[in-house]
C-alpha cells in the first residue's frame, strides 16, 4: 500500500470519526434548546453535518475502506418481527 493511500484512508477515518462526534454534540444541543429559533438553527446545522458525514462514508465505502456486508435474510425477518410486535395497538 502506498504512503499517500494510507494517509488518505487515515484522514477520511479521522473526518468520519469527527463527524460522528459533531453530530452527536449537535443532537444533544438541539434536544436541550429552550427556544424554537435556536432549535431550528441547530436542526439545520445537524442536517448539514449529517450530509457531510454521509459524503465521507460514501467515499470510504466506494474505495472499499468501509465495507458494509449484506444482512442475512433471517436476521432481517427477525428484526422485522421484533419491531412489528413492539407496535402499540
Protein backbone atom coordinates (compact mmCIF):
# COMPACT_ATOMS: atom_id res chain seq x y z
CA UNK A 1 0.00 0.00 0.00
CA UNK A 2 1.42 3.36 -0.95
CA UNK A 3 2.04 6.02 1.66
CA UNK A 4 -0.42 8.50 0.09
CA UNK A 5 -3.28 5.96 0.03
CA UNK A 6 -2.67 5.13 3.68
CA UNK A 7 -2.67 8.82 4.55
CA UNK A 8 -5.91 9.40 2.62
CA UNK A 9 -7.58 6.49 4.41
CA UNK A 10 -6.42 7.74 7.81
CA UNK A 11 -7.63 11.27 7.03
CA UNK A 12 -11.06 10.06 5.97
CA UNK A 13 -11.29 7.83 9.05
CA UNK A 14 -10.47 10.87 11.20
CA UNK A 15 -13.01 13.03 9.37
CA UNK A 16 -15.72 10.38 9.73
CA UNK A 17 -14.95 9.99 13.42
CA UNK A 18 -15.08 13.77 13.89
CA UNK A 19 -18.38 14.00 12.01
CA UNK A 20 -19.89 11.33 14.24
CA UNK A 21 -18.80 13.30 17.30
CA UNK A 22 -20.06 16.59 15.87
CA UNK A 23 -23.48 15.21 15.02
CA UNK A 24 -23.73 13.71 18.48
CA UNK A 25 -22.99 17.07 20.08
CA UNK A 26 -25.37 18.99 17.82
CA UNK A 27 -28.06 16.42 18.57
CA UNK A 28 -27.59 17.00 22.31
CA UNK A 29 -27.64 20.78 21.86
CA UNK A 30 -30.78 20.53 19.74
CA UNK A 31 -32.55 18.43 22.35
CA UNK A 32 -31.71 20.94 25.06
CA UNK A 33 -32.81 24.13 23.26
CA UNK A 34 -35.49 26.09 25.03
CA UNK A 35 -36.45 28.36 22.12
CA UNK A 36 -37.77 27.31 18.72
CA UNK A 37 -35.47 29.65 16.77
CA UNK A 38 -32.31 28.30 18.33
CA UNK A 39 -33.61 24.74 17.99
CA UNK A 40 -34.28 25.31 14.29
CA UNK A 41 -30.76 26.65 13.83
CA UNK A 42 -29.26 23.60 15.49
CA UNK A 43 -31.50 21.31 13.42
CA UNK A 44 -30.22 22.99 10.27
CA UNK A 45 -26.61 22.57 11.39
CA UNK A 46 -27.28 18.97 12.38
CA UNK A 47 -28.71 18.24 8.93
CA UNK A 48 -25.66 19.80 7.23
CA UNK A 49 -23.28 17.78 9.38
CA UNK A 50 -25.18 14.55 8.64
CA UNK A 51 -24.85 15.29 4.92
CA UNK A 52 -21.09 15.76 5.32
CA UNK A 53 -20.88 12.52 7.31
CA UNK A 54 -22.82 10.69 4.58
CA UNK A 55 -20.49 12.07 1.89
CA UNK A 56 -17.41 10.90 3.78
CA UNK A 57 -18.96 7.49 4.45
CA UNK A 58 -19.94 7.12 0.77
CA UNK A 59 -16.41 7.99 -0.34
CA UNK A 60 -14.87 5.49 2.07
CA UNK A 61 -17.36 2.82 1.03
CA UNK A 62 -16.66 3.49 -2.65
CA UNK A 63 -12.94 2.98 -2.03
CA UNK A 64 -13.55 -0.23 -0.09
CA UNK A 65 -12.38 1.31 3.19
CA UNK A 66 -15.73 0.93 4.97
CA UNK A 67 -17.33 -2.31 3.84
CA UNK A 68 -20.93 -2.97 4.77
CA UNK A 69 -21.80 -6.64 4.47
CA UNK A 70 -25.34 -7.51 3.47
CA UNK A 71 -27.60 -8.64 6.28
CA UNK A 72 -28.74 -12.24 6.32
CA UNK A 73 -32.38 -12.62 5.29
CA UNK A 74 -33.17 -14.46 8.53
CA UNK A 75 -31.84 -11.56 10.63
CA UNK A 76 -33.86 -9.08 8.60
CA UNK A 77 -37.01 -11.11 9.20
CA UNK A 78 -36.25 -11.39 12.94
CA UNK A 79 -35.79 -7.63 13.23
CA UNK A 80 -38.99 -7.00 11.28
CA UNK A 81 -40.95 -9.31 13.58
CA UNK A 82 -39.42 -7.78 16.69
CA UNK A 83 -40.48 -4.26 15.75
CA UNK A 84 -43.87 -5.27 14.41
CA UNK A 85 -44.59 -6.95 17.74
CA UNK A 86 -43.49 -3.81 19.61
CA UNK A 87 -46.04 -1.54 17.85
CA UNK A 88 -48.75 -0.17 20.14
CA UNK A 89 -52.19 -1.42 19.20
